[in-house]
Each structure stands twice: as C-alpha cells, then as structure tokens.
Protein backbone atom coordinates (compact mmCIF):
# COMPACT_ATOMS: atom_id res chain seq x y z
CA MET A 1 51.34 62.46 70.72
CA PHE A 2 49.51 65.55 69.46
CA ALA A 3 50.39 68.94 70.88
CA MET A 4 48.24 69.50 73.97
CA MET A 5 47.49 73.10 73.13
CA VAL A 6 44.35 75.12 73.73
CA ASN A 7 42.75 76.12 70.45
CA ASN A 8 39.42 76.92 68.88
CA ASP A 9 39.92 75.48 65.41
CA PHE A 10 37.11 72.93 65.67
CA PRO A 11 33.91 75.00 65.95
CA ILE A 12 31.59 72.08 65.07
CA ILE A 13 32.47 70.16 68.23
CA ALA A 14 32.44 73.31 70.35
CA SER A 15 29.00 74.46 69.21
CA GLY A 16 27.57 70.94 69.37
CA ALA A 17 28.79 70.43 72.92
CA MET A 18 27.25 73.75 73.89
CA LYS A 19 23.89 72.62 72.54
CA LEU A 20 24.19 69.49 74.69
CA ASN A 21 25.03 71.69 77.72
CA ILE A 22 28.43 70.00 77.97
CA VAL A 23 31.51 72.04 78.87
CA LEU A 24 34.62 70.97 76.94
CA PRO A 25 38.00 71.01 78.69
CA PRO A 26 40.57 73.34 77.09
CA THR A 27 42.38 70.61 75.12
CA ALA A 28 39.26 68.86 73.78
CA GLU A 29 39.02 70.60 70.40
CA ALA A 30 42.63 69.74 69.55
CA ALA A 31 42.08 66.16 70.72
CA PHE A 32 38.96 65.67 68.61
CA ARG A 33 40.69 67.14 65.56
CA ALA A 34 43.63 64.76 66.04
CA TYR A 35 41.16 61.88 66.57
CA TYR A 36 39.41 62.70 63.29
CA ASP A 37 42.67 62.98 61.34
CA PHE A 38 43.92 59.64 62.71
CA LEU A 39 40.59 57.97 62.00
CA GLU A 40 40.66 59.20 58.40
CA LEU A 41 44.24 57.99 57.98
CA LYS A 42 43.75 54.51 59.45
CA GLY A 43 40.24 54.00 58.13
CA LYS A 44 41.65 53.52 54.66
CA SER A 45 43.29 50.26 55.67
CA ILE A 46 41.02 49.07 58.51
CA ASN A 47 37.23 48.80 58.33
CA LEU A 48 36.50 51.15 61.23
CA THR A 49 33.41 53.13 60.27
CA ALA A 50 31.18 53.76 57.27
CA ILE A 51 30.85 57.40 58.29
CA SER A 52 33.39 59.82 56.82
CA GLY A 53 33.93 63.55 56.52
CA LEU A 54 34.53 66.03 59.30
CA GLU A 55 30.92 67.12 59.85
CA GLU A 56 29.35 63.65 59.83
CA THR A 57 32.11 62.17 62.00
CA THR A 58 31.78 65.00 64.51
CA CYS A 59 28.00 64.80 64.73
CA LEU A 60 27.35 61.08 64.39
CA HIS A 61 30.37 59.82 66.33
CA PHE A 62 31.85 62.47 68.62
CA LEU A 63 28.73 64.38 69.68
CA ASP A 64 26.59 61.24 69.81
CA SER A 65 29.17 59.72 72.16
CA ILE A 66 29.62 62.63 74.56
CA ALA A 67 25.85 63.06 74.87
CA LEU A 68 26.03 60.11 77.29
CA LEU A 69 27.51 62.49 79.86
CA ASN A 70 23.93 63.67 80.35
CA ALA A 71 22.73 60.11 81.02
CA GLY A 72 24.73 59.53 84.19
CA SER A 73 27.62 60.70 86.35
CA PHE A 74 30.91 59.58 84.79
CA GLU A 75 33.29 61.56 86.99
CA ASN A 76 35.96 59.28 88.53
CA LYS A 77 34.04 56.20 87.42
CA ARG A 78 35.51 52.94 86.16
CA VAL A 79 33.99 52.61 82.68
CA ILE A 80 34.16 49.78 80.15
CA ASP A 81 33.25 50.34 76.50
CA ILE A 82 32.10 46.97 75.17
CA GLY A 83 32.68 46.41 71.45
CA SER A 84 34.59 49.68 71.19
CA GLY A 85 35.51 49.38 67.51
CA ALA A 86 36.95 52.75 66.50
CA GLY A 87 36.67 54.01 70.09
CA PHE A 88 33.04 55.11 70.28
CA PRO A 89 31.73 56.09 72.72
CA GLY A 90 34.57 55.47 75.19
CA VAL A 91 37.36 57.64 73.80
CA PRO A 92 35.23 60.77 73.21
CA LEU A 93 33.89 60.43 76.76
CA LYS A 94 37.43 60.22 78.13
CA ILE A 95 38.46 63.31 76.14
CA VAL A 96 35.67 65.36 77.73
CA GLU A 97 35.76 63.72 81.19
CA PRO A 98 39.45 62.86 81.78
CA SER A 99 38.77 61.49 85.29
CA ILE A 100 37.20 58.35 83.77
CA ASN A 101 39.16 55.14 84.35
CA LEU A 102 38.60 53.72 80.86
CA THR A 103 38.74 50.17 79.56
CA LEU A 104 38.16 49.46 75.87
CA LEU A 105 37.01 45.94 75.02
CA GLU A 106 37.24 44.80 71.41
CA ALA A 107 37.39 41.29 69.96
CA THR A 108 39.17 42.19 66.70
CA GLY A 109 42.94 42.40 67.04
CA LYS A 110 43.44 45.02 64.32
CA LYS A 111 40.95 47.31 66.01
CA VAL A 112 42.66 46.87 69.37
CA THR A 113 45.94 47.87 67.71
CA PHE A 114 44.20 50.95 66.31
CA LEU A 115 42.79 51.83 69.73
CA LYS A 116 46.19 51.54 71.39
CA GLU A 117 47.79 53.74 68.73
CA LEU A 118 44.95 56.24 68.99
CA CYS A 119 45.16 56.55 72.77
CA ASN A 120 48.92 56.90 72.59
CA LYS A 121 48.55 59.66 69.99
CA LEU A 122 45.97 61.50 72.08
CA GLY A 123 47.84 61.02 75.35
CA ILE A 124 44.94 59.06 76.81
CA GLU A 125 45.43 56.47 79.53
CA ALA A 126 43.27 53.41 78.98
CA SER A 127 43.26 49.65 79.47
CA PHE A 128 42.54 47.26 76.61
CA VAL A 129 40.85 43.88 76.52
CA ASN A 130 41.21 41.90 73.29
CA ALA A 131 38.52 39.26 73.80
CA ARG A 132 34.89 38.46 73.25
CA ALA A 133 32.78 40.10 75.93
CA GLU A 134 30.96 36.93 76.95
CA VAL A 135 34.35 35.35 77.70
CA ALA A 136 36.01 38.37 79.34
CA SER A 137 33.15 38.95 81.80
CA HIS A 138 33.81 35.56 83.42
CA GLU A 139 37.38 36.60 84.27
CA SER A 140 37.83 37.76 87.87
CA GLU A 141 39.45 41.09 86.94
CA ASN A 142 36.38 42.04 84.88
CA ARG A 143 33.52 40.39 86.73
CA GLU A 144 31.29 43.10 88.24
CA ALA A 145 34.34 45.38 88.27
CA TYR A 146 32.98 48.50 86.55
CA ASP A 147 30.77 51.37 87.68
CA ILE A 148 29.44 51.86 84.15
CA ALA A 149 29.35 49.65 81.08
CA ILE A 150 28.52 51.33 77.77
CA SER A 151 27.84 49.83 74.38
CA ARG A 152 26.98 51.09 70.95
CA ALA A 153 26.76 47.58 69.51
CA VAL A 154 24.02 46.68 67.05
CA ALA A 155 22.85 43.56 68.92
CA ARG A 156 19.33 43.57 70.29
CA MET A 157 18.83 44.82 73.81
CA ASN A 158 18.12 41.41 75.40
CA VAL A 159 21.40 40.07 73.99
CA LEU A 160 23.34 43.16 75.07
CA CYS A 161 22.03 42.91 78.61
CA GLU A 162 23.27 39.35 79.05
CA ILE A 163 26.65 40.22 77.56
CA CYS A 164 27.22 43.58 79.28
CA LEU A 165 25.57 43.51 82.72
CA PRO A 166 27.96 40.88 84.17
CA PHE A 167 30.72 43.54 83.92
CA VAL A 168 28.75 45.99 86.10
CA SER A 169 29.10 46.23 89.86
CA VAL A 170 26.03 46.31 92.09
CA ASN A 171 24.48 49.81 91.96
CA GLY A 172 26.37 50.49 88.73
CA LEU A 173 24.87 51.27 85.33
CA PHE A 174 24.70 49.72 81.90
CA ILE A 175 23.95 52.31 79.20
CA ALA A 176 22.98 51.04 75.75
CA MET A 177 22.95 53.46 72.81
CA LYS A 178 19.90 52.86 70.64
CA SER A 179 17.64 54.53 68.11
CA LEU A 180 14.39 56.15 69.16
CA ASP A 181 12.33 53.25 67.82
CA SER A 182 13.64 50.79 70.42
CA GLU A 183 10.44 50.33 72.45
CA ASP A 184 10.02 46.73 71.27
CA GLU A 185 13.64 45.96 72.23
CA ILE A 186 13.15 47.40 75.70
CA GLU A 187 10.02 45.30 76.26
CA GLU A 188 11.77 42.24 74.86
CA ALA A 189 14.74 42.73 77.21
CA LYS A 190 12.83 42.90 80.49
CA SER A 191 13.34 39.22 81.34
CA ALA A 192 17.06 39.42 80.52
CA ILE A 193 17.43 42.55 82.67
CA ALA A 194 15.79 40.78 85.62
CA ALA A 195 17.85 37.61 85.13
CA MET A 196 21.07 39.66 85.26
CA GLY A 197 20.06 41.20 88.61
CA ALA A 198 19.13 44.60 87.23
CA GLN A 199 16.25 47.01 86.68
CA LEU A 200 15.39 49.38 83.86
CA ARG A 201 16.00 52.83 85.32
CA ASP A 202 15.34 55.40 82.62
CA ASN A 203 15.66 56.43 78.99
CA TYR A 204 17.59 59.54 77.99
CA GLU A 205 16.57 60.90 74.59
CA TYR A 206 18.63 63.53 72.82
CA GLU A 207 18.81 65.21 69.45
CA ILE A 208 22.28 65.05 67.96
CA PRO A 209 23.37 68.64 67.26
CA GLY A 210 23.77 69.41 63.57
CA THR A 211 21.38 66.63 62.54
CA ASP A 212 17.68 65.82 62.56
CA ARG A 213 18.33 62.55 64.41
CA THR A 214 17.15 61.75 67.91
CA HIS A 215 18.82 58.89 69.74
CA ARG A 216 18.07 57.12 72.99
CA ALA A 217 20.32 55.94 75.80
CA ILE A 218 18.68 53.07 77.69
CA ILE A 219 19.86 53.15 81.31
CA VAL A 220 19.81 49.94 83.37
CA ARG A 221 20.84 49.83 87.04
CA LYS A 222 22.43 46.74 88.58
CA THR A 223 20.63 45.88 91.82
CA SER A 224 22.15 42.49 92.73
CA ASN A 225 24.90 40.13 91.64
CA THR A 226 24.55 38.43 88.28
CA PRO A 227 24.31 34.62 88.59
CA SER A 228 27.65 33.00 87.71
CA LYS A 229 26.15 31.02 84.81
CA TYR A 230 25.75 34.25 82.82
CA PRO A 231 26.66 35.19 80.22
CA ARG A 232 26.26 31.98 78.29
CA ARG A 233 28.21 31.16 75.14
CA TYR A 234 27.28 33.53 72.34
CA ALA A 235 25.86 30.79 70.14
CA LYS A 236 23.48 29.85 72.96
CA ILE A 237 22.56 33.48 73.61
CA GLN A 238 21.63 33.85 69.94
CA ARG A 239 19.80 30.54 69.81
CA ALA A 240 17.82 31.04 73.00
CA PRO A 241 17.83 34.70 74.12
CA LEU A 242 16.39 35.37 77.56
C-alpha cells in the first residue's frame, strides 16, 4: 500500500480538478500518482490502455473520470463500474469520493487481477465481479442493487442501456460516458431506455482540463423495474438491438 501522506507533487491533477470545481481530499494527489505508476508498470504486460504518459493519463483518464462527480450525487452511493478495464471511471471516483461503495465489473480475468492489486496498493475497498455484465445482472445480488451504474464502454448507447440498466435500482441512475457527437446514439437508444423502465434525464457536457476535448455524460434515470427477460444474451442484443 502506498504511503497515505498529504502532498502536492501532482499539480496536473490538482489544477485540473480545480477547473472542474472538484475539491480533492488530502490524499488524492498521492493516490493518483501511485495509480499512474502502477498503471505504467503493469501496462507493459497487460493490454490496459493505449494512452500513456503522465499528462495524457491524467487528463484523458483521471480528470475525465472524476468529471462525473458533476453529473450526479455520488456521496454514500452504491456504484457499479461496468466494463471497468483499468479502473476507469470507478477507481478515480472512489479516490475523490471515498464514501462510494464501489463494485468493479470486468469480464477479463487478467484485468480483474490488476484491479484487485491496484485497489490493494491504493488502500481502496471495493468489490469485484469477474463476469459478463449481461450474465451478472441476472444474479440476485446484482439485480437492481446499485444506486448508480457507470460505463465508459465503446458499445452503442442502445446496447449499453440493455446491459447496464438492469443493475440500477428504481430512482437510480445510469451514466454513460460518450463523445459530444452522440446525438444519433441518444435518439437510437430511446426505445431501449423505455424498455428497461427508464427515462433520459439529462446530458452533462464538460471540457477535459488540459485538452481541447469536450465529452458528454448521458444521464438516464430508472423509473420502474426492468422486465426479467432483460438483458438478453449478448449475441441477441447485437443481432437485434432494441
């Protein structure tokens, strides 16, 4: 575990968080620096991310992830990060908002091992699900068990809604991280959102500090229980999206 000391040796994350109007807890800079170092070390043997270097990793992974704190209230919420990969956005959110009850879902065993080692190194408490999301959401311990589901996956929005919304409790949120040019995806996903017992609530658009990129968080609110037949098998979701 890294030394939980207060320091100011990571000015990129500090200044970026300030631009997002996010207050970092005292240990956050040390945690993000340890996260980056561990990611660089393990990324050489595991295909975790195509992004490398301190500045790009900080801006395009860490700051992009914590920007979601402006899209909803995460304090004391049960949050599941679906398709967590190298831990984005779930782990950065937990670093900045430690009250989150975090679950990281990832289908690839090597990545789950990485996530467990990472959380142990950072002193982060989290639960881990090593399974495909469309299977795990049918299990009783996961079904409509989370206040917020988040995903940075590259699947189209209609597919993500069927996969992710069954994890969300009624009145909870699903937040999908997308590019600014996602209007067609949002329109395309309206039938899937309705079928899952949800409504499109809002879009939160933000410029990532230190870059010229603007991203969008699509916020969907669960309004009723998802029918038990969803999600379908992934092959069927791909073949006949809602």
